[in-house]
Amino acid sequence: MLKTSITTTKNFFENAFKKSTISEERVKLLLKIAETIAKEYSIHEVVNLNFICTHNSRRSQIGQVWGFYAADYFGLHINSFSGGTEVTSFYRNTVKTLQKVGFLFQVVDFSHQNPTYQIKFNGSKNVILGFSKLYDHPENKEPYMAITTCDSADKNCPFIPSATHRFHLPFVDPKHSDGSDIQEQTYLETNKQIAGEVYFIFSQVKKLIS
């Protein structure tokens, strides 16, 4: 079991939201996403989200993991998946920053290029699989709402047949810090921003359906 936690997942999740500074324009986008999820939820009582980024290696993976956690935290039947327009790997730096906030990773299918991890957190009843894959991989349940997390994915995915809705929610790629002295902090800040905004979306969905 791979674990290097420095805080509890719950505390990190809550503090990421409490300490977040979200612009007015960004809030409008997050609210629109939440409202759309809530409408779908009221009809089907379950929603699938697919976080999409070009390489499915950093931001989209973090989005999926926090979506998985948020569904449990808020008691919502929302499934989170992730994919890309290319297959690379669930990069080690991404795994590390999630481990540091309490997520547990277990290798279930070893591959030097693209291992598959079983991911859970303390107290979780369910697990998800983490590995780099295309956005239309069979693992990603259809139909789903697509949430693209980087500029290139937004340009390279002009049409996603299985998406009932599509939103572009860009995050700065932490890749630029790889191998530098600020690598750990950069990934943690990206982790924190995504966690805080996922909290915002899911909390709004909870309010809207209550």
N, C-alpha and C. Protein backbone atom coordinates (compact mmCIF):
# COMPACT_ATOMS: atom_id res chain seq x y z
N MET A 1 0.85 -1.20 0.00
CA MET A 1 0.00 0.00 0.00
C MET A 1 0.88 1.24 0.00
N LEU A 2 0.65 2.15 -0.92
CA LEU A 2 1.44 3.36 -1.01
C LEU A 2 0.75 4.47 -0.24
N LYS A 3 1.39 4.97 0.82
CA LYS A 3 0.77 6.00 1.65
C LYS A 3 1.83 6.90 2.26
N THR A 4 1.72 8.21 2.04
CA THR A 4 2.64 9.17 2.64
C THR A 4 1.85 10.39 3.09
N SER A 5 0.78 10.18 3.81
CA SER A 5 -0.13 11.26 4.19
C SER A 5 0.46 12.20 5.22
N ILE A 6 0.23 13.50 5.07
CA ILE A 6 0.66 14.49 6.04
C ILE A 6 -0.55 15.18 6.68
N THR A 7 -1.74 14.85 6.22
CA THR A 7 -2.95 15.46 6.76
C THR A 7 -4.12 14.52 6.48
N THR A 8 -5.26 14.79 7.07
CA THR A 8 -6.41 13.95 6.76
C THR A 8 -7.08 14.49 5.50
N THR A 9 -7.67 13.60 4.75
CA THR A 9 -8.33 13.98 3.51
C THR A 9 -9.47 14.96 3.80
N LYS A 10 -10.23 14.70 4.84
CA LYS A 10 -11.36 15.54 5.20
C LYS A 10 -10.90 16.97 5.52
N ASN A 11 -9.87 17.10 6.32
CA ASN A 11 -9.37 18.44 6.68
C ASN A 11 -8.86 19.19 5.46
N PHE A 12 -8.13 18.49 4.60
CA PHE A 12 -7.60 19.14 3.41
C PHE A 12 -8.73 19.61 2.51
N PHE A 13 -9.72 18.76 2.32
CA PHE A 13 -10.87 19.06 1.47
C PHE A 13 -11.62 20.28 1.98
N GLU A 14 -11.92 20.30 3.25
CA GLU A 14 -12.66 21.42 3.84
C GLU A 14 -11.85 22.70 3.83
N ASN A 15 -10.57 22.61 4.18
CA ASN A 15 -9.73 23.81 4.21
C ASN A 15 -9.45 24.35 2.81
N ALA A 16 -9.39 23.45 1.82
CA ALA A 16 -9.17 23.89 0.44
C ALA A 16 -10.30 24.80 0.01
N PHE A 17 -11.51 24.48 0.45
CA PHE A 17 -12.66 25.31 0.11
C PHE A 17 -12.70 26.59 0.96
N LYS A 18 -12.51 26.45 2.25
CA LYS A 18 -12.58 27.60 3.16
C LYS A 18 -11.54 28.67 2.83
N LYS A 19 -10.37 28.25 2.41
CA LYS A 19 -9.29 29.18 2.15
C LYS A 19 -9.15 29.55 0.67
N SER A 20 -10.07 29.07 -0.15
CA SER A 20 -9.97 29.35 -1.58
C SER A 20 -10.40 30.77 -1.92
N THR A 21 -9.78 31.33 -2.92
CA THR A 21 -10.15 32.64 -3.45
C THR A 21 -10.55 32.43 -4.91
N ILE A 22 -11.85 32.50 -5.15
CA ILE A 22 -12.37 32.21 -6.48
C ILE A 22 -12.93 33.49 -7.10
N SER A 23 -12.50 33.81 -8.28
CA SER A 23 -12.96 35.02 -8.95
C SER A 23 -14.46 34.95 -9.24
N GLU A 24 -15.07 36.11 -9.43
CA GLU A 24 -16.50 36.18 -9.71
C GLU A 24 -16.84 35.42 -11.00
N GLU A 25 -15.99 35.56 -12.00
CA GLU A 25 -16.23 34.87 -13.28
C GLU A 25 -16.15 33.36 -13.10
N ARG A 26 -15.18 32.93 -12.29
CA ARG A 26 -15.01 31.49 -12.04
C ARG A 26 -16.20 30.95 -11.25
N VAL A 27 -16.69 31.72 -10.29
CA VAL A 27 -17.85 31.31 -9.50
C VAL A 27 -19.05 31.07 -10.40
N LYS A 28 -19.24 31.95 -11.37
CA LYS A 28 -20.37 31.80 -12.30
C LYS A 28 -20.27 30.48 -13.07
N LEU A 29 -19.06 30.13 -13.48
CA LEU A 29 -18.84 28.89 -14.20
C LEU A 29 -19.12 27.69 -13.29
N LEU A 30 -18.60 27.74 -12.07
CA LEU A 30 -18.81 26.64 -11.12
C LEU A 30 -20.29 26.46 -10.80
N LEU A 31 -20.99 27.57 -10.67
CA LEU A 31 -22.44 27.51 -10.40
C LEU A 31 -23.19 26.89 -11.58
N LYS A 32 -22.76 27.25 -12.79
CA LYS A 32 -23.42 26.70 -13.99
C LYS A 32 -23.22 25.19 -14.05
N ILE A 33 -22.02 24.74 -13.71
CA ILE A 33 -21.74 23.30 -13.69
C ILE A 33 -22.61 22.63 -12.64
N ALA A 34 -22.66 23.22 -11.44
CA ALA A 34 -23.46 22.66 -10.35
C ALA A 34 -24.94 22.59 -10.70
N GLU A 35 -25.45 23.65 -11.31
CA GLU A 35 -26.87 23.69 -11.68
C GLU A 35 -27.20 22.62 -12.73
N THR A 36 -26.28 22.41 -13.66
CA THR A 36 -26.50 21.40 -14.69
C THR A 36 -26.48 20.00 -14.10
N ILE A 37 -25.52 19.77 -13.20
CA ILE A 37 -25.45 18.47 -12.52
C ILE A 37 -26.73 18.23 -11.72
N ALA A 38 -27.19 19.26 -11.01
CA ALA A 38 -28.39 19.12 -10.18
C ALA A 38 -29.62 18.79 -11.03
N LYS A 39 -29.73 19.41 -12.20
CA LYS A 39 -30.87 19.14 -13.08
C LYS A 39 -30.85 17.69 -13.56
N GLU A 40 -29.67 17.23 -13.96
CA GLU A 40 -29.53 15.85 -14.40
C GLU A 40 -29.81 14.89 -13.25
N TYR A 41 -29.33 15.26 -12.08
CA TYR A 41 -29.49 14.43 -10.89
C TYR A 41 -30.97 14.29 -10.52
N SER A 42 -31.70 15.38 -10.63
CA SER A 42 -33.13 15.35 -10.27
C SER A 42 -33.94 14.45 -11.20
N ILE A 43 -33.43 14.25 -12.40
CA ILE A 43 -34.11 13.40 -13.38
C ILE A 43 -33.69 11.93 -13.24
N HIS A 44 -32.38 11.71 -13.16
CA HIS A 44 -31.85 10.35 -13.20
C HIS A 44 -31.41 9.80 -11.84
N GLU A 45 -31.26 10.68 -10.85
CA GLU A 45 -30.82 10.30 -9.51
C GLU A 45 -29.38 9.77 -9.49
N VAL A 46 -28.67 9.99 -10.55
CA VAL A 46 -27.25 9.65 -10.63
C VAL A 46 -26.66 10.44 -11.78
N VAL A 47 -25.41 10.88 -11.63
CA VAL A 47 -24.73 11.63 -12.69
C VAL A 47 -23.31 11.10 -12.82
N ASN A 48 -22.85 10.97 -14.06
CA ASN A 48 -21.47 10.58 -14.33
C ASN A 48 -20.70 11.81 -14.82
N LEU A 49 -19.55 12.07 -14.22
CA LEU A 49 -18.68 13.17 -14.63
C LEU A 49 -17.39 12.59 -15.21
N ASN A 50 -16.93 13.17 -16.31
CA ASN A 50 -15.69 12.73 -16.93
C ASN A 50 -14.75 13.93 -17.02
N PHE A 51 -13.70 13.93 -16.18
CA PHE A 51 -12.71 15.01 -16.19
C PHE A 51 -11.70 14.69 -17.29
N ILE A 52 -11.57 15.60 -18.26
CA ILE A 52 -10.77 15.33 -19.45
C ILE A 52 -9.64 16.33 -19.62
N CYS A 53 -8.45 15.80 -19.84
CA CYS A 53 -7.27 16.62 -20.13
C CYS A 53 -6.44 15.87 -21.16
N THR A 54 -5.64 16.55 -21.92
CA THR A 54 -4.94 15.93 -23.05
C THR A 54 -4.29 14.60 -22.70
N HIS A 55 -3.42 14.59 -21.67
CA HIS A 55 -2.65 13.39 -21.35
C HIS A 55 -3.24 12.55 -20.23
N ASN A 56 -4.30 13.01 -19.58
CA ASN A 56 -4.90 12.29 -18.46
C ASN A 56 -3.82 11.82 -17.49
N SER A 57 -3.05 12.79 -16.99
CA SER A 57 -1.91 12.45 -16.14
C SER A 57 -1.83 13.28 -14.86
N ARG A 58 -2.44 14.46 -14.87
CA ARG A 58 -2.32 15.32 -13.70
C ARG A 58 -3.68 15.89 -13.28
N ARG A 59 -4.09 16.99 -13.91
CA ARG A 59 -5.30 17.70 -13.47
C ARG A 59 -6.58 16.87 -13.57
N SER A 60 -6.74 16.14 -14.66
CA SER A 60 -7.96 15.34 -14.82
C SER A 60 -8.00 14.20 -13.80
N GLN A 61 -6.83 13.64 -13.49
CA GLN A 61 -6.76 12.58 -12.48
C GLN A 61 -7.13 13.12 -11.10
N ILE A 62 -6.59 14.30 -10.78
CA ILE A 62 -6.90 14.92 -9.48
C ILE A 62 -8.38 15.25 -9.40
N GLY A 63 -8.95 15.73 -10.51
CA GLY A 63 -10.38 16.03 -10.54
C GLY A 63 -11.21 14.79 -10.28
N GLN A 64 -10.85 13.67 -10.90
CA GLN A 64 -11.58 12.44 -10.70
C GLN A 64 -11.51 11.99 -9.24
N VAL A 65 -10.32 12.03 -8.65
CA VAL A 65 -10.15 11.57 -7.28
C VAL A 65 -10.95 12.42 -6.30
N TRP A 66 -10.93 13.74 -6.48
CA TRP A 66 -11.71 14.59 -5.58
C TRP A 66 -13.20 14.47 -5.83
N GLY A 67 -13.59 14.20 -7.07
CA GLY A 67 -15.00 13.96 -7.34
C GLY A 67 -15.47 12.70 -6.63
N PHE A 68 -14.62 11.69 -6.62
CA PHE A 68 -14.88 10.43 -5.91
C PHE A 68 -15.07 10.71 -4.42
N TYR A 69 -14.17 11.52 -3.87
CA TYR A 69 -14.26 11.82 -2.44
C TYR A 69 -15.49 12.68 -2.13
N ALA A 70 -15.73 13.70 -2.95
CA ALA A 70 -16.84 14.63 -2.72
C ALA A 70 -18.19 13.92 -2.74
N ALA A 71 -18.35 12.93 -3.60
CA ALA A 71 -19.61 12.19 -3.68
C ALA A 71 -19.90 11.51 -2.34
N ASP A 72 -18.87 10.94 -1.74
CA ASP A 72 -19.02 10.30 -0.44
C ASP A 72 -19.27 11.34 0.65
N TYR A 73 -18.52 12.41 0.61
CA TYR A 73 -18.60 13.46 1.63
C TYR A 73 -19.99 14.08 1.68
N PHE A 74 -20.57 14.34 0.52
CA PHE A 74 -21.89 14.99 0.46
C PHE A 74 -23.04 14.00 0.29
N GLY A 75 -22.73 12.72 0.22
CA GLY A 75 -23.77 11.72 0.09
C GLY A 75 -24.53 11.80 -1.21
N LEU A 76 -23.80 11.94 -2.31
CA LEU A 76 -24.42 12.08 -3.63
C LEU A 76 -24.06 10.90 -4.54
N HIS A 77 -25.00 10.51 -5.37
CA HIS A 77 -24.75 9.43 -6.34
C HIS A 77 -24.16 10.04 -7.61
N ILE A 78 -22.92 10.47 -7.49
CA ILE A 78 -22.19 11.04 -8.62
C ILE A 78 -20.92 10.23 -8.83
N ASN A 79 -20.76 9.70 -10.02
CA ASN A 79 -19.57 8.93 -10.36
C ASN A 79 -18.59 9.81 -11.12
N SER A 80 -17.34 9.75 -10.74
CA SER A 80 -16.32 10.55 -11.40
C SER A 80 -15.32 9.66 -12.14
N PHE A 81 -15.03 10.05 -13.36
CA PHE A 81 -14.08 9.35 -14.21
C PHE A 81 -13.10 10.36 -14.79
N SER A 82 -12.11 9.88 -15.52
CA SER A 82 -11.20 10.80 -16.20
C SER A 82 -10.67 10.15 -17.45
N GLY A 83 -10.21 10.97 -18.38
CA GLY A 83 -9.66 10.46 -19.63
C GLY A 83 -8.92 11.55 -20.37
N GLY A 84 -8.32 11.18 -21.47
CA GLY A 84 -7.56 12.16 -22.25
C GLY A 84 -7.72 11.94 -23.74
N THR A 85 -7.06 12.78 -24.50
CA THR A 85 -7.03 12.58 -25.94
C THR A 85 -5.80 11.76 -26.32
N GLU A 86 -4.91 11.53 -25.32
CA GLU A 86 -3.75 10.66 -25.48
C GLU A 86 -3.58 9.86 -24.20
N VAL A 87 -2.96 8.71 -24.29
CA VAL A 87 -2.66 7.88 -23.12
C VAL A 87 -1.20 8.06 -22.74
N THR A 88 -0.95 8.42 -21.49
CA THR A 88 0.43 8.57 -21.01
C THR A 88 0.60 7.75 -19.73
N SER A 89 0.44 8.41 -18.57
CA SER A 89 0.56 7.72 -17.30
C SER A 89 -0.04 8.58 -16.20
N PHE A 90 -0.49 7.94 -15.13
CA PHE A 90 -0.91 8.65 -13.92
C PHE A 90 0.41 9.00 -13.23
N TYR A 91 0.93 10.19 -13.54
CA TYR A 91 2.30 10.52 -13.15
C TYR A 91 2.55 10.46 -11.66
N ARG A 92 3.77 10.04 -11.34
CA ARG A 92 4.15 9.82 -9.94
C ARG A 92 3.95 11.06 -9.08
N ASN A 93 4.25 12.24 -9.62
CA ASN A 93 4.07 13.47 -8.84
C ASN A 93 2.60 13.70 -8.50
N THR A 94 1.71 13.28 -9.39
CA THR A 94 0.28 13.40 -9.13
C THR A 94 -0.13 12.43 -8.03
N VAL A 95 0.38 11.22 -8.10
CA VAL A 95 0.11 10.22 -7.06
C VAL A 95 0.60 10.74 -5.71
N LYS A 96 1.81 11.27 -5.68
CA LYS A 96 2.40 11.73 -4.43
C LYS A 96 1.59 12.84 -3.76
N THR A 97 1.12 13.81 -4.54
CA THR A 97 0.40 14.92 -3.92
C THR A 97 -0.95 14.45 -3.37
N LEU A 98 -1.53 13.43 -3.97
CA LEU A 98 -2.78 12.87 -3.46
C LEU A 98 -2.53 12.00 -2.24
N GLN A 99 -1.42 11.31 -2.22
CA GLN A 99 -1.05 10.52 -1.05
C GLN A 99 -0.83 11.42 0.17
N LYS A 100 -0.25 12.58 -0.08
CA LYS A 100 0.06 13.49 1.02
C LYS A 100 -1.18 14.03 1.72
N VAL A 101 -2.35 13.92 1.05
CA VAL A 101 -3.57 14.40 1.69
C VAL A 101 -4.50 13.23 2.05
N GLY A 102 -3.91 12.05 2.16
CA GLY A 102 -4.64 10.93 2.75
C GLY A 102 -5.18 9.86 1.83
N PHE A 103 -5.03 10.00 0.52
CA PHE A 103 -5.54 8.97 -0.38
C PHE A 103 -4.60 7.77 -0.39
N LEU A 104 -5.16 6.59 -0.48
CA LEU A 104 -4.41 5.34 -0.44
C LEU A 104 -4.35 4.74 -1.84
N PHE A 105 -3.16 4.42 -2.29
CA PHE A 105 -2.94 3.87 -3.62
C PHE A 105 -2.38 2.45 -3.53
N GLN A 106 -3.00 1.55 -4.26
CA GLN A 106 -2.54 0.16 -4.33
C GLN A 106 -2.37 -0.21 -5.79
N VAL A 107 -1.18 -0.65 -6.17
CA VAL A 107 -0.96 -1.06 -7.56
C VAL A 107 -1.67 -2.40 -7.79
N VAL A 108 -2.56 -2.43 -8.77
CA VAL A 108 -3.29 -3.67 -9.07
C VAL A 108 -2.93 -4.23 -10.44
N ASP A 109 -2.27 -3.43 -11.25
CA ASP A 109 -1.82 -3.89 -12.57
C ASP A 109 -0.54 -3.14 -12.89
N PHE A 110 0.60 -3.79 -12.71
CA PHE A 110 1.87 -3.11 -12.88
C PHE A 110 2.24 -2.91 -14.34
N SER A 111 2.72 -1.72 -14.63
CA SER A 111 3.24 -1.39 -15.95
C SER A 111 4.23 -0.25 -15.75
N HIS A 112 5.40 -0.37 -16.36
CA HIS A 112 6.39 0.71 -16.23
C HIS A 112 5.85 2.02 -16.79
N GLN A 113 5.08 1.92 -17.87
CA GLN A 113 4.57 3.13 -18.52
C GLN A 113 3.28 3.64 -17.88
N ASN A 114 2.37 2.73 -17.55
CA ASN A 114 1.05 3.17 -17.13
C ASN A 114 0.41 2.17 -16.15
N PRO A 115 0.90 2.14 -14.90
CA PRO A 115 0.32 1.22 -13.92
C PRO A 115 -1.11 1.61 -13.56
N THR A 116 -1.87 0.63 -13.11
CA THR A 116 -3.24 0.88 -12.66
C THR A 116 -3.27 0.84 -11.14
N TYR A 117 -3.83 1.88 -10.54
CA TYR A 117 -3.93 1.96 -9.09
C TYR A 117 -5.37 1.79 -8.64
N GLN A 118 -5.53 1.12 -7.52
CA GLN A 118 -6.81 1.10 -6.83
C GLN A 118 -6.72 2.22 -5.78
N ILE A 119 -7.67 3.14 -5.80
CA ILE A 119 -7.59 4.33 -4.96
C ILE A 119 -8.77 4.37 -3.99
N LYS A 120 -8.46 4.67 -2.73
CA LYS A 120 -9.50 4.83 -1.72
C LYS A 120 -8.99 5.80 -0.66
N PHE A 121 -9.80 6.05 0.34
CA PHE A 121 -9.42 6.90 1.46
C PHE A 121 -9.93 6.25 2.72
N ASN A 122 -9.42 6.65 3.87
CA ASN A 122 -9.84 6.07 5.13
C ASN A 122 -11.34 6.21 5.32
N GLY A 123 -12.02 5.08 5.55
CA GLY A 123 -13.47 5.10 5.75
C GLY A 123 -14.26 4.92 4.48
N SER A 124 -13.61 4.88 3.33
CA SER A 124 -14.36 4.74 2.07
C SER A 124 -14.89 3.32 1.91
N LYS A 125 -16.10 3.22 1.40
CA LYS A 125 -16.71 1.93 1.15
C LYS A 125 -16.42 1.45 -0.26
N ASN A 126 -16.09 2.38 -1.13
CA ASN A 126 -15.82 2.06 -2.52
C ASN A 126 -14.39 2.41 -2.90
N VAL A 127 -13.97 1.96 -4.05
CA VAL A 127 -12.65 2.29 -4.59
C VAL A 127 -12.83 2.71 -6.05
N ILE A 128 -11.84 3.40 -6.58
CA ILE A 128 -11.83 3.70 -8.01
C ILE A 128 -10.49 3.25 -8.58
N LEU A 129 -10.46 3.08 -9.89
CA LEU A 129 -9.22 2.72 -10.56
C LEU A 129 -8.61 3.96 -11.18
N GLY A 130 -7.33 4.14 -11.00
CA GLY A 130 -6.62 5.28 -11.57
C GLY A 130 -5.56 4.83 -12.55
N PHE A 131 -5.68 5.23 -13.79
CA PHE A 131 -4.68 4.97 -14.81
C PHE A 131 -4.97 5.89 -15.99
N SER A 132 -3.99 6.17 -16.80
CA SER A 132 -4.19 7.06 -17.95
C SER A 132 -4.92 6.30 -19.06
N LYS A 133 -5.95 6.94 -19.62
CA LYS A 133 -6.76 6.30 -20.65
C LYS A 133 -7.42 7.36 -21.52
N LEU A 134 -7.96 6.93 -22.64
CA LEU A 134 -8.70 7.84 -23.49
C LEU A 134 -10.04 8.18 -22.85
N TYR A 135 -10.59 9.34 -23.20
CA TYR A 135 -11.83 9.78 -22.57
C TYR A 135 -13.00 8.86 -22.85
N ASP A 136 -12.93 8.08 -23.96
CA ASP A 136 -14.03 7.18 -24.29
C ASP A 136 -13.72 5.73 -23.92
N HIS A 137 -12.80 5.54 -23.00
CA HIS A 137 -12.47 4.19 -22.52
C HIS A 137 -13.71 3.56 -21.89
N PRO A 138 -13.91 2.25 -22.04
CA PRO A 138 -15.08 1.57 -21.47
C PRO A 138 -15.24 1.77 -19.96
N GLU A 139 -14.15 2.06 -19.26
CA GLU A 139 -14.22 2.29 -17.81
C GLU A 139 -15.07 3.52 -17.47
N ASN A 140 -15.15 4.46 -18.41
CA ASN A 140 -15.90 5.69 -18.18
C ASN A 140 -17.36 5.49 -18.58
N LYS A 141 -18.20 5.35 -17.57
CA LYS A 141 -19.61 5.04 -17.81
C LYS A 141 -20.33 6.13 -18.60
N GLU A 142 -21.15 5.72 -19.52
CA GLU A 142 -21.96 6.65 -20.32
C GLU A 142 -23.41 6.59 -19.85
N PRO A 143 -24.15 7.67 -20.07
CA PRO A 143 -23.69 8.97 -20.57
C PRO A 143 -23.00 9.75 -19.46
N TYR A 144 -22.17 10.70 -19.83
CA TYR A 144 -21.48 11.50 -18.83
C TYR A 144 -21.40 12.97 -19.25
N MET A 145 -21.20 13.81 -18.26
CA MET A 145 -20.93 15.23 -18.49
C MET A 145 -19.42 15.38 -18.57
N ALA A 146 -18.92 16.08 -19.57
CA ALA A 146 -17.48 16.27 -19.75
C ALA A 146 -17.03 17.59 -19.11
N ILE A 147 -15.97 17.51 -18.33
CA ILE A 147 -15.36 18.70 -17.74
C ILE A 147 -13.90 18.72 -18.17
N THR A 148 -13.56 19.56 -19.14
CA THR A 148 -12.18 19.63 -19.61
C THR A 148 -11.38 20.56 -18.71
N THR A 149 -10.16 20.14 -18.40
CA THR A 149 -9.37 20.85 -17.39
C THR A 149 -8.12 21.54 -17.91
N CYS A 150 -7.88 21.49 -19.23
CA CYS A 150 -6.73 22.23 -19.76
C CYS A 150 -7.06 22.76 -21.15
N ASP A 151 -6.36 23.80 -21.55
CA ASP A 151 -6.64 24.47 -22.82
C ASP A 151 -6.55 23.54 -24.01
N SER A 152 -5.51 22.69 -24.02
CA SER A 152 -5.32 21.81 -25.17
C SER A 152 -6.45 20.82 -25.29
N ALA A 153 -6.96 20.32 -24.16
CA ALA A 153 -8.08 19.38 -24.23
C ALA A 153 -9.31 20.07 -24.80
N ASP A 154 -9.48 21.33 -24.44
CA ASP A 154 -10.64 22.07 -24.94
C ASP A 154 -10.55 22.22 -26.45
N LYS A 155 -9.36 22.41 -26.99
CA LYS A 155 -9.19 22.57 -28.43
C LYS A 155 -9.22 21.23 -29.17
N ASN A 156 -8.68 20.21 -28.53
CA ASN A 156 -8.58 18.91 -29.18
C ASN A 156 -9.84 18.06 -29.06
N CYS A 157 -10.79 18.49 -28.25
CA CYS A 157 -12.03 17.72 -28.08
C CYS A 157 -13.23 18.57 -28.49
N PRO A 158 -13.31 18.97 -29.76
CA PRO A 158 -14.43 19.81 -30.19
C PRO A 158 -15.77 19.09 -30.14
N PHE A 159 -15.71 17.74 -30.19
CA PHE A 159 -16.96 16.99 -30.16
C PHE A 159 -16.74 15.68 -29.40
N ILE A 160 -17.49 15.51 -28.31
CA ILE A 160 -17.42 14.30 -27.51
C ILE A 160 -18.80 13.65 -27.56
N PRO A 161 -18.98 12.66 -28.39
CA PRO A 161 -20.29 12.06 -28.65
C PRO A 161 -21.08 11.67 -27.41
N SER A 162 -20.39 11.13 -26.42
CA SER A 162 -21.10 10.61 -25.25
C SER A 162 -21.41 11.66 -24.19
N ALA A 163 -20.93 12.88 -24.39
CA ALA A 163 -21.14 13.91 -23.37
C ALA A 163 -22.53 14.53 -23.49
N THR A 164 -23.28 14.49 -22.40
CA THR A 164 -24.59 15.14 -22.38
C THR A 164 -24.43 16.65 -22.26
N HIS A 165 -23.36 17.06 -21.61
CA HIS A 165 -23.02 18.48 -21.46
C HIS A 165 -21.50 18.58 -21.43
N ARG A 166 -21.00 19.77 -21.73
CA ARG A 166 -19.55 19.98 -21.71
C ARG A 166 -19.23 21.33 -21.10
N PHE A 167 -18.26 21.32 -20.18
CA PHE A 167 -17.80 22.54 -19.55
C PHE A 167 -16.28 22.57 -19.58
N HIS A 168 -15.72 23.77 -19.80
CA HIS A 168 -14.27 23.92 -19.78
C HIS A 168 -13.87 24.61 -18.48
N LEU A 169 -13.19 23.86 -17.64
CA LEU A 169 -12.76 24.35 -16.33
C LEU A 169 -11.24 24.23 -16.26
N PRO A 170 -10.51 25.20 -16.81
CA PRO A 170 -9.05 25.08 -16.91
C PRO A 170 -8.30 25.31 -15.60
N PHE A 171 -7.22 24.54 -15.43
CA PHE A 171 -6.30 24.70 -14.30
C PHE A 171 -4.89 24.78 -14.87
N VAL A 172 -4.03 25.54 -14.23
CA VAL A 172 -2.64 25.65 -14.67
C VAL A 172 -1.96 24.31 -14.46
N ASP A 173 -1.25 23.85 -15.48
CA ASP A 173 -0.58 22.56 -15.43
C ASP A 173 0.63 22.63 -14.50
N PRO A 174 0.70 21.76 -13.46
CA PRO A 174 1.85 21.78 -12.55
C PRO A 174 3.10 21.16 -13.16
N LYS A 175 2.97 20.66 -14.38
CA LYS A 175 4.09 20.00 -15.06
C LYS A 175 5.33 20.88 -15.13
N HIS A 176 5.12 22.21 -15.22
CA HIS A 176 6.25 23.12 -15.38
C HIS A 176 7.23 23.06 -14.21
N SER A 177 6.77 22.54 -13.07
CA SER A 177 7.62 22.51 -11.87
C SER A 177 8.37 21.19 -11.72
N ASP A 178 8.11 20.23 -12.59
CA ASP A 178 8.74 18.91 -12.46
C ASP A 178 10.26 19.02 -12.38
N GLY A 179 10.83 18.38 -11.37
CA GLY A 179 12.28 18.36 -11.19
C GLY A 179 12.86 19.59 -10.53
N SER A 180 12.00 20.54 -10.13
CA SER A 180 12.48 21.77 -9.51
C SER A 180 12.27 21.75 -7.99
N ASP A 181 12.79 22.78 -7.33
CA ASP A 181 12.65 22.88 -5.87
C ASP A 181 11.22 23.19 -5.45
N ILE A 182 10.41 23.69 -6.39
CA ILE A 182 9.04 24.05 -6.05
C ILE A 182 8.03 23.00 -6.50
N GLN A 183 8.53 21.86 -6.93
CA GLN A 183 7.67 20.82 -7.46
C GLN A 183 6.58 20.39 -6.48
N GLU A 184 6.96 20.03 -5.26
CA GLU A 184 5.99 19.54 -4.28
C GLU A 184 4.94 20.58 -3.96
N GLN A 185 5.37 21.82 -3.76
CA GLN A 185 4.43 22.89 -3.42
C GLN A 185 3.51 23.22 -4.59
N THR A 186 4.05 23.20 -5.79
CA THR A 186 3.24 23.50 -6.97
C THR A 186 2.12 22.47 -7.15
N TYR A 187 2.47 21.20 -7.01
CA TYR A 187 1.46 20.15 -7.14
C TYR A 187 0.44 20.25 -6.02
N LEU A 188 0.90 20.61 -4.83
CA LEU A 188 -0.02 20.73 -3.69
C LEU A 188 -1.00 21.88 -3.90
N GLU A 189 -0.52 22.97 -4.50
CA GLU A 189 -1.40 24.11 -4.77
C GLU A 189 -2.44 23.75 -5.83
N THR A 190 -2.03 23.01 -6.85
CA THR A 190 -2.98 22.55 -7.86
C THR A 190 -4.00 21.61 -7.23
N ASN A 191 -3.50 20.72 -6.41
CA ASN A 191 -4.35 19.78 -5.68
C ASN A 191 -5.39 20.55 -4.85
N LYS A 192 -4.92 21.58 -4.16
CA LYS A 192 -5.78 22.37 -3.29
C LYS A 192 -6.84 23.14 -4.09
N GLN A 193 -6.44 23.73 -5.21
CA GLN A 193 -7.41 24.48 -6.03
C GLN A 193 -8.50 23.57 -6.57
N ILE A 194 -8.10 22.42 -7.09
CA ILE A 194 -9.09 21.49 -7.63
C ILE A 194 -10.00 20.98 -6.54
N ALA A 195 -9.43 20.64 -5.39
CA ALA A 195 -10.25 20.16 -4.26
C ALA A 195 -11.26 21.22 -3.83
N GLY A 196 -10.81 22.47 -3.73
CA GLY A 196 -11.70 23.55 -3.31
C GLY A 196 -12.83 23.80 -4.28
N GLU A 197 -12.54 23.72 -5.56
CA GLU A 197 -13.58 23.98 -6.56
C GLU A 197 -14.53 22.79 -6.71
N VAL A 198 -14.02 21.59 -6.53
CA VAL A 198 -14.90 20.42 -6.53
C VAL A 198 -15.83 20.49 -5.32
N TYR A 199 -15.29 20.92 -4.17
CA TYR A 199 -16.12 21.12 -2.98
C TYR A 199 -17.24 22.11 -3.29
N PHE A 200 -16.90 23.22 -3.90
CA PHE A 200 -17.89 24.25 -4.24
C PHE A 200 -18.99 23.66 -5.12
N ILE A 201 -18.61 22.95 -6.17
CA ILE A 201 -19.59 22.38 -7.10
C ILE A 201 -20.52 21.40 -6.39
N PHE A 202 -19.95 20.47 -5.66
CA PHE A 202 -20.75 19.43 -5.03
C PHE A 202 -21.62 20.00 -3.90
N SER A 203 -21.11 20.99 -3.18
CA SER A 203 -21.91 21.60 -2.11
C SER A 203 -23.12 22.31 -2.70
N GLN A 204 -22.93 22.93 -3.86
CA GLN A 204 -24.04 23.61 -4.51
C GLN A 204 -25.07 22.60 -5.04
N VAL A 205 -24.59 21.48 -5.57
CA VAL A 205 -25.49 20.44 -6.04
C VAL A 205 -26.33 19.93 -4.87
N LYS A 206 -25.68 19.73 -3.74
CA LYS A 206 -26.39 19.24 -2.55
C LYS A 206 -27.50 20.21 -2.14
N LYS A 207 -27.20 21.51 -2.18
CA LYS A 207 -28.19 22.52 -1.82
C LYS A 207 -29.36 22.53 -2.81
N LEU A 208 -29.01 22.45 -4.08
CA LEU A 208 -30.04 22.55 -5.12
C LEU A 208 -31.01 21.37 -5.14
N ILE A 209 -30.54 20.20 -4.78
CA ILE A 209 -31.42 19.03 -4.81
C ILE A 209 -32.13 18.79 -3.48
N SER A 210 -31.73 19.52 -2.45
CA SER A 210 -32.34 19.34 -1.12
C SER A 210 -33.70 20.01 -1.05
